[in-house]
Amino acid sequence: MCPVSWGVVMFLAGAEVAVLCITKSVEVINYQAFTNSKGIYKVAETMPESDRWVSCLARPINSYHEQCTRKGDAHSGVKFTYNLPSGNSHAVKPFLYKPVSVPMYCS
């Protein structure tokens, strides 16, 4: 499945994502996963209060549809703060591509 189109911004389904998070104790934690059918990746933190996440950066790693991932002037990552209680999840749309030219099967 290629990107789900939403206006001029596209979200990729089944794409590999890296999420880097900085904790209160200044550790960097790396997570990897795949986006769902709507191009969303959910992250959930279950650490003790002293090691809670402060902020995270979700970045695209790869996609099965390379022609659909050529970005125009979009950013290559999404930064977000995580201020939810431990165990809750946060939805991230890490792929914000605005292709210069989009193949027919991507639209």
Protein backbone atom coordinates (compact mmCIF):
# COMPACT_ATOMS: atom_id res chain seq x y z
CA MET A 1 0.00 0.00 0.00
CA CYS A 2 1.34 3.40 -0.92
CA PRO A 3 0.86 6.67 0.97
CA VAL A 4 -2.50 7.75 2.27
CA SER A 5 -3.07 11.19 0.79
CA TRP A 6 -4.31 14.01 3.01
CA GLY A 7 -4.27 17.31 1.16
CA VAL A 8 -0.74 17.81 -0.17
CA VAL A 9 0.82 15.93 2.75
CA MET A 10 1.25 12.18 2.43
CA PHE A 11 1.57 9.57 5.16
CA LEU A 12 3.23 6.26 4.31
CA ALA A 13 1.81 2.94 5.40
CA GLY A 14 4.17 0.11 6.36
CA ALA A 15 7.24 2.35 6.45
CA GLU A 16 10.11 1.85 8.88
CA VAL A 17 10.46 4.52 11.55
CA ALA A 18 13.14 5.39 14.10
CA VAL A 19 12.14 7.26 17.25
CA LEU A 20 14.86 8.78 19.43
CA CYS A 21 13.80 9.91 22.89
CA ILE A 22 15.69 11.83 25.56
CA THR A 23 14.83 10.92 29.15
CA LYS A 24 14.86 13.08 32.28
CA SER A 25 18.10 11.33 33.25
CA VAL A 26 19.60 12.50 29.90
CA GLU A 27 19.71 9.08 28.27
CA VAL A 28 18.89 8.64 24.60
CA ILE A 29 16.66 5.68 23.76
CA ASN A 30 16.13 4.41 20.23
CA TYR A 31 12.96 2.65 19.08
CA GLN A 32 12.17 1.13 15.68
CA ALA A 33 8.82 0.05 14.26
CA PHE A 34 6.58 0.26 11.20
CA THR A 35 3.73 2.66 10.51
CA ASN A 36 0.18 1.31 10.35
CA SER A 37 -2.20 1.53 7.37
CA LYS A 38 -2.77 5.25 8.05
CA GLY A 39 0.96 6.04 8.26
CA ILE A 40 0.83 6.39 12.05
CA TYR A 41 3.33 4.98 14.53
CA LYS A 42 2.35 4.88 18.20
CA VAL A 43 4.96 5.16 20.92
CA ALA A 44 4.33 4.35 24.56
CA GLU A 45 6.64 4.96 27.50
CA THR A 46 6.55 2.70 30.56
CA MET A 47 9.58 3.88 32.51
CA PRO A 48 9.77 5.04 36.13
CA GLU A 49 9.16 8.75 36.74
CA SER A 50 12.90 9.50 37.01
CA ASP A 51 13.53 8.09 33.52
CA ARG A 52 10.49 9.55 31.75
CA TRP A 53 10.84 10.87 28.23
CA VAL A 54 11.27 14.61 27.84
CA SER A 55 11.13 14.87 24.06
CA CYS A 56 11.41 12.63 21.03
CA LEU A 57 12.20 12.82 17.33
CA ALA A 58 10.51 10.45 14.89
CA ARG A 59 12.38 9.99 11.61
CA PRO A 60 11.69 7.92 8.51
CA ILE A 61 14.22 5.16 7.88
CA ASN A 62 12.92 3.35 4.86
CA SER A 63 9.83 2.54 2.85
CA TYR A 64 8.82 -0.28 0.56
CA HIS A 65 7.80 2.38 -1.96
CA GLU A 66 10.91 4.44 -2.67
CA GLN A 67 9.21 6.37 -5.50
CA CYS A 68 6.62 7.53 -2.96
CA THR A 69 9.19 8.82 -0.48
CA ARG A 70 10.93 11.47 -2.54
CA LYS A 71 10.33 14.53 -0.50
CA GLY A 72 9.99 18.06 -1.70
CA ASP A 73 10.41 20.77 0.93
CA ALA A 74 9.00 18.72 3.84
CA HIS A 75 10.95 18.13 7.06
CA SER A 76 12.74 14.82 7.53
CA GLY A 77 11.54 14.28 11.09
CA VAL A 78 8.85 15.16 13.59
CA LYS A 79 9.84 16.42 17.04
CA PHE A 80 7.35 16.04 19.86
CA THR A 81 7.25 16.38 23.61
CA TYR A 82 5.92 13.51 25.66
CA ASN A 83 4.06 14.63 28.75
CA LEU A 84 1.63 11.75 29.21
CA PRO A 85 1.58 9.51 32.30
CA SER A 86 3.63 6.33 32.05
CA GLY A 87 1.99 3.62 29.96
CA ASN A 88 0.00 5.91 27.66
CA SER A 89 0.68 6.04 23.94
CA HIS A 90 1.37 8.96 21.63
CA ALA A 91 0.50 8.81 17.91
CA VAL A 92 3.19 10.07 15.52
CA LYS A 93 2.99 10.64 11.77
CA PRO A 94 6.71 10.64 10.96
CA PHE A 95 6.39 10.75 7.17
CA LEU A 96 5.37 14.21 6.01
CA TYR A 97 6.31 13.99 2.36
CA LYS A 98 5.37 16.53 -0.27
CA PRO A 99 6.67 14.84 -3.43
CA VAL A 100 7.66 17.00 -6.37
CA SER A 101 6.13 14.47 -8.75
CA VAL A 102 3.96 11.63 -7.51
CA PRO A 103 3.69 8.33 -9.43
CA MET A 104 0.08 7.34 -10.22
CA TYR A 105 0.12 4.42 -7.77
CA CYS A 106 1.07 6.78 -4.92
CA SER A 107 -2.03 8.97 -5.23
